[in-house]
Amino acid sequence: MEINEQEITFNIRYDMHEEDWKDLVEAFKLLPGWIGIEKTGEFFWLGKENDEVYIKGKITFTGFVLEANLPDIVWEAWILHFKEKTSEALGFEVFVI
């Protein structure tokens, strides 16, 4: 499978309440390939930026951004799982902006 650069932004705001962030991180831990949170505040799954495949999440003023190097079919399945788990944890529909 061909590995492609991926990027997507979700409607997860940087200014959520602390409790919502705790719930969100707990949801992140349930997603396939969870590695953890770096000191930079970035979240990683499957690998890190120097690895062949990885998923990196970070919060920006525009929303929560996921970047990855993955085959399209793997990315699409992972994103569906991401939206399901984060929507459940936050109590609102998480969607692409």
N, C-alpha and C. Protein backbone atom coordinates (compact mmCIF):
# COMPACT_ATOMS: atom_id res chain seq x y z
N MET A 1 0.83 -1.19 0.00
CA MET A 1 0.00 0.00 0.00
C MET A 1 0.87 1.25 0.00
N GLU A 2 0.44 2.21 -0.76
CA GLU A 2 1.17 3.47 -0.84
C GLU A 2 0.89 4.32 0.40
N ILE A 3 1.94 4.85 0.98
CA ILE A 3 1.82 5.72 2.16
C ILE A 3 1.76 7.16 1.69
N ASN A 4 0.77 7.89 2.18
CA ASN A 4 0.57 9.28 1.78
C ASN A 4 0.55 10.21 2.98
N GLU A 5 0.92 11.46 2.74
CA GLU A 5 0.79 12.48 3.78
C GLU A 5 -0.69 12.82 3.92
N GLN A 6 -1.14 12.93 5.15
CA GLN A 6 -2.54 13.22 5.43
C GLN A 6 -2.61 14.39 6.40
N GLU A 7 -3.69 15.15 6.33
CA GLU A 7 -3.92 16.22 7.31
C GLU A 7 -5.41 16.53 7.34
N ILE A 8 -5.93 16.76 8.54
CA ILE A 8 -7.34 17.06 8.72
C ILE A 8 -7.50 17.87 9.99
N THR A 9 -8.49 18.76 10.03
CA THR A 9 -8.75 19.60 11.20
C THR A 9 -10.17 19.35 11.68
N PHE A 10 -10.32 19.21 13.00
CA PHE A 10 -11.61 18.93 13.62
C PHE A 10 -12.07 20.10 14.49
N ASN A 11 -13.33 20.12 14.79
CA ASN A 11 -13.98 21.17 15.58
C ASN A 11 -13.76 20.99 17.08
N ILE A 12 -12.57 20.64 17.47
CA ILE A 12 -12.21 20.52 18.89
C ILE A 12 -11.45 21.79 19.25
N ARG A 13 -12.04 22.57 20.13
CA ARG A 13 -11.50 23.90 20.43
C ARG A 13 -10.37 23.86 21.46
N TYR A 14 -9.45 24.78 21.31
CA TYR A 14 -8.32 24.89 22.22
C TYR A 14 -8.73 25.37 23.60
N ASP A 15 -9.86 26.05 23.70
CA ASP A 15 -10.27 26.65 24.97
C ASP A 15 -11.34 25.85 25.72
N MET A 16 -11.35 24.53 25.51
CA MET A 16 -12.30 23.68 26.24
C MET A 16 -11.95 23.69 27.73
N HIS A 17 -12.92 23.29 28.53
CA HIS A 17 -12.70 23.14 29.96
C HIS A 17 -11.69 22.03 30.22
N GLU A 18 -10.98 22.15 31.32
CA GLU A 18 -9.97 21.16 31.68
C GLU A 18 -10.54 19.74 31.76
N GLU A 19 -11.74 19.61 32.29
CA GLU A 19 -12.37 18.28 32.39
C GLU A 19 -12.61 17.68 31.01
N ASP A 20 -13.00 18.52 30.05
CA ASP A 20 -13.20 18.03 28.68
C ASP A 20 -11.88 17.53 28.09
N TRP A 21 -10.78 18.24 28.37
CA TRP A 21 -9.47 17.81 27.89
C TRP A 21 -9.08 16.47 28.50
N LYS A 22 -9.38 16.30 29.77
CA LYS A 22 -9.07 15.01 30.42
C LYS A 22 -9.86 13.88 29.76
N ASP A 23 -11.15 14.13 29.49
CA ASP A 23 -11.98 13.12 28.82
C ASP A 23 -11.46 12.83 27.42
N LEU A 24 -11.03 13.87 26.73
CA LEU A 24 -10.51 13.71 25.38
C LEU A 24 -9.24 12.86 25.38
N VAL A 25 -8.34 13.12 26.29
CA VAL A 25 -7.10 12.34 26.36
C VAL A 25 -7.41 10.88 26.69
N GLU A 26 -8.39 10.64 27.53
CA GLU A 26 -8.78 9.26 27.82
C GLU A 26 -9.31 8.57 26.55
N ALA A 27 -10.05 9.30 25.73
CA ALA A 27 -10.53 8.76 24.45
C ALA A 27 -9.35 8.48 23.52
N PHE A 28 -8.37 9.39 23.50
CA PHE A 28 -7.18 9.20 22.67
C PHE A 28 -6.48 7.88 23.01
N LYS A 29 -6.44 7.56 24.29
CA LYS A 29 -5.76 6.34 24.74
C LYS A 29 -6.44 5.08 24.22
N LEU A 30 -7.72 5.18 23.84
CA LEU A 30 -8.46 4.03 23.33
C LEU A 30 -8.27 3.82 21.83
N LEU A 31 -7.70 4.80 21.17
CA LEU A 31 -7.50 4.70 19.73
C LEU A 31 -6.30 3.82 19.40
N PRO A 32 -6.38 3.08 18.28
CA PRO A 32 -5.29 2.18 17.91
C PRO A 32 -3.95 2.89 17.78
N GLY A 33 -2.92 2.29 18.37
CA GLY A 33 -1.56 2.78 18.22
C GLY A 33 -1.14 3.89 19.16
N TRP A 34 -1.93 4.15 20.21
CA TRP A 34 -1.61 5.25 21.14
C TRP A 34 -0.19 5.12 21.66
N ILE A 35 0.57 6.20 21.56
CA ILE A 35 1.92 6.27 22.11
C ILE A 35 1.94 7.18 23.32
N GLY A 36 1.40 8.40 23.17
CA GLY A 36 1.37 9.30 24.31
C GLY A 36 1.47 10.75 23.90
N ILE A 37 1.72 11.58 24.92
CA ILE A 37 1.81 13.02 24.74
C ILE A 37 3.26 13.44 24.94
N GLU A 38 3.77 14.19 23.99
CA GLU A 38 5.13 14.72 24.09
C GLU A 38 5.15 15.98 24.96
N LYS A 39 6.32 16.38 25.40
CA LYS A 39 6.47 17.61 26.18
C LYS A 39 6.00 18.84 25.40
N THR A 40 5.99 18.74 24.08
CA THR A 40 5.53 19.83 23.21
C THR A 40 4.01 19.97 23.22
N GLY A 41 3.32 19.00 23.83
CA GLY A 41 1.87 19.00 23.83
C GLY A 41 1.27 18.27 22.63
N GLU A 42 2.11 17.66 21.80
CA GLU A 42 1.63 16.92 20.65
C GLU A 42 1.31 15.49 21.06
N PHE A 43 0.29 14.93 20.41
CA PHE A 43 -0.19 13.57 20.69
C PHE A 43 0.28 12.67 19.55
N PHE A 44 0.69 11.44 19.88
CA PHE A 44 1.18 10.53 18.84
C PHE A 44 0.55 9.15 18.93
N TRP A 45 0.30 8.60 17.75
CA TRP A 45 -0.17 7.24 17.58
C TRP A 45 0.68 6.57 16.51
N LEU A 46 0.91 5.29 16.63
CA LEU A 46 1.58 4.43 15.65
C LEU A 46 3.07 4.68 15.46
N GLY A 47 3.54 5.87 15.65
CA GLY A 47 4.94 6.21 15.48
C GLY A 47 5.12 7.70 15.68
N LYS A 48 6.33 8.15 15.45
CA LYS A 48 6.63 9.58 15.56
C LYS A 48 7.01 10.10 14.18
N GLU A 49 7.19 11.41 14.06
CA GLU A 49 7.39 12.04 12.75
C GLU A 49 8.54 11.46 11.93
N ASN A 50 9.54 10.92 12.56
CA ASN A 50 10.67 10.36 11.82
C ASN A 50 10.43 8.92 11.38
N ASP A 51 9.33 8.33 11.80
CA ASP A 51 8.99 6.96 11.43
C ASP A 51 8.26 6.94 10.08
N GLU A 52 8.25 5.77 9.46
CA GLU A 52 7.59 5.65 8.16
C GLU A 52 6.09 5.94 8.26
N VAL A 53 5.46 5.41 9.30
CA VAL A 53 4.04 5.68 9.54
C VAL A 53 3.88 6.30 10.92
N TYR A 54 2.99 7.26 11.00
CA TYR A 54 2.70 7.91 12.27
C TYR A 54 1.42 8.71 12.15
N ILE A 55 0.85 9.04 13.29
CA ILE A 55 -0.24 10.01 13.38
C ILE A 55 0.14 10.97 14.50
N LYS A 56 0.03 12.26 14.21
CA LYS A 56 0.35 13.29 15.19
C LYS A 56 -0.85 14.22 15.33
N GLY A 57 -1.23 14.52 16.56
CA GLY A 57 -2.30 15.46 16.80
C GLY A 57 -1.78 16.67 17.56
N LYS A 58 -2.36 17.83 17.24
CA LYS A 58 -1.99 19.04 17.96
C LYS A 58 -3.16 20.01 17.94
N ILE A 59 -3.24 20.80 18.99
CA ILE A 59 -4.31 21.79 19.05
C ILE A 59 -3.80 23.11 18.48
N THR A 60 -4.65 23.75 17.68
CA THR A 60 -4.34 25.05 17.12
C THR A 60 -5.53 25.97 17.38
N PHE A 61 -5.40 27.22 17.05
CA PHE A 61 -6.51 28.15 17.23
C PHE A 61 -7.69 27.80 16.31
N THR A 62 -7.42 27.11 15.22
CA THR A 62 -8.49 26.75 14.29
C THR A 62 -9.16 25.43 14.65
N GLY A 63 -8.55 24.62 15.50
CA GLY A 63 -9.13 23.33 15.87
C GLY A 63 -8.05 22.31 16.15
N PHE A 64 -8.47 21.06 16.28
CA PHE A 64 -7.53 19.97 16.53
C PHE A 64 -7.08 19.40 15.19
N VAL A 65 -5.79 19.44 14.94
CA VAL A 65 -5.22 19.02 13.66
C VAL A 65 -4.55 17.65 13.82
N LEU A 66 -4.89 16.75 12.91
CA LEU A 66 -4.21 15.47 12.82
C LEU A 66 -3.40 15.45 11.54
N GLU A 67 -2.14 15.06 11.66
CA GLU A 67 -1.25 14.87 10.51
C GLU A 67 -0.78 13.42 10.55
N ALA A 68 -0.55 12.85 9.38
CA ALA A 68 -0.14 11.45 9.36
C ALA A 68 0.61 11.10 8.09
N ASN A 69 1.32 10.01 8.16
CA ASN A 69 1.85 9.30 7.00
C ASN A 69 1.24 7.91 7.08
N LEU A 70 0.24 7.67 6.26
CA LEU A 70 -0.49 6.40 6.27
C LEU A 70 -1.08 6.11 4.90
N PRO A 71 -1.35 4.84 4.61
CA PRO A 71 -2.13 4.53 3.42
C PRO A 71 -3.54 5.12 3.58
N ASP A 72 -4.13 5.55 2.49
CA ASP A 72 -5.45 6.19 2.54
C ASP A 72 -6.49 5.34 3.25
N ILE A 73 -6.54 4.06 2.96
CA ILE A 73 -7.57 3.19 3.53
C ILE A 73 -7.41 3.06 5.05
N VAL A 74 -6.18 3.01 5.54
CA VAL A 74 -5.91 2.95 6.98
C VAL A 74 -6.30 4.27 7.63
N TRP A 75 -5.92 5.37 7.01
CA TRP A 75 -6.24 6.72 7.50
C TRP A 75 -7.76 6.89 7.63
N GLU A 76 -8.49 6.54 6.59
CA GLU A 76 -9.94 6.72 6.60
C GLU A 76 -10.60 5.91 7.71
N ALA A 77 -10.17 4.69 7.92
CA ALA A 77 -10.74 3.87 9.00
C ALA A 77 -10.37 4.44 10.37
N TRP A 78 -9.14 4.89 10.50
CA TRP A 78 -8.69 5.45 11.79
C TRP A 78 -9.46 6.72 12.12
N ILE A 79 -9.70 7.57 11.12
CA ILE A 79 -10.44 8.81 11.32
C ILE A 79 -11.87 8.53 11.75
N LEU A 80 -12.51 7.54 11.17
CA LEU A 80 -13.87 7.18 11.60
C LEU A 80 -13.87 6.79 13.07
N HIS A 81 -12.90 6.01 13.47
CA HIS A 81 -12.76 5.60 14.87
C HIS A 81 -12.49 6.82 15.76
N PHE A 82 -11.63 7.73 15.30
CA PHE A 82 -11.33 8.96 16.03
C PHE A 82 -12.59 9.77 16.28
N LYS A 83 -13.40 9.99 15.24
CA LYS A 83 -14.62 10.78 15.38
C LYS A 83 -15.60 10.11 16.35
N GLU A 84 -15.70 8.81 16.28
CA GLU A 84 -16.61 8.08 17.16
C GLU A 84 -16.19 8.22 18.63
N LYS A 85 -14.94 7.95 18.92
CA LYS A 85 -14.45 7.98 20.31
C LYS A 85 -14.42 9.39 20.89
N THR A 86 -14.01 10.38 20.09
CA THR A 86 -13.94 11.74 20.61
C THR A 86 -15.34 12.34 20.78
N SER A 87 -16.25 12.04 19.88
CA SER A 87 -17.62 12.53 20.01
C SER A 87 -18.27 11.96 21.27
N GLU A 88 -18.03 10.69 21.50
CA GLU A 88 -18.56 10.03 22.70
C GLU A 88 -17.98 10.67 23.97
N ALA A 89 -16.69 10.92 23.97
CA ALA A 89 -16.03 11.48 25.16
C ALA A 89 -16.46 12.91 25.45
N LEU A 90 -16.67 13.70 24.39
CA LEU A 90 -16.96 15.12 24.57
C LEU A 90 -18.45 15.43 24.65
N GLY A 91 -19.29 14.50 24.21
CA GLY A 91 -20.73 14.72 24.28
C GLY A 91 -21.28 15.60 23.17
N PHE A 92 -20.50 15.79 22.10
CA PHE A 92 -20.99 16.50 20.91
C PHE A 92 -20.33 15.89 19.69
N GLU A 93 -20.92 16.14 18.52
CA GLU A 93 -20.38 15.56 17.30
C GLU A 93 -19.08 16.23 16.91
N VAL A 94 -18.04 15.44 16.82
CA VAL A 94 -16.75 15.91 16.34
C VAL A 94 -16.75 15.71 14.83
N PHE A 95 -16.44 16.77 14.10
CA PHE A 95 -16.46 16.71 12.64
C PHE A 95 -15.33 17.54 12.05
N VAL A 96 -15.11 17.32 10.76
CA VAL A 96 -14.06 18.02 10.02
C VAL A 96 -14.52 19.44 9.73
N ILE A 97 -13.60 20.40 9.96
CA ILE A 97 -13.94 21.80 9.64
C ILE A 97 -13.12 22.27 8.46
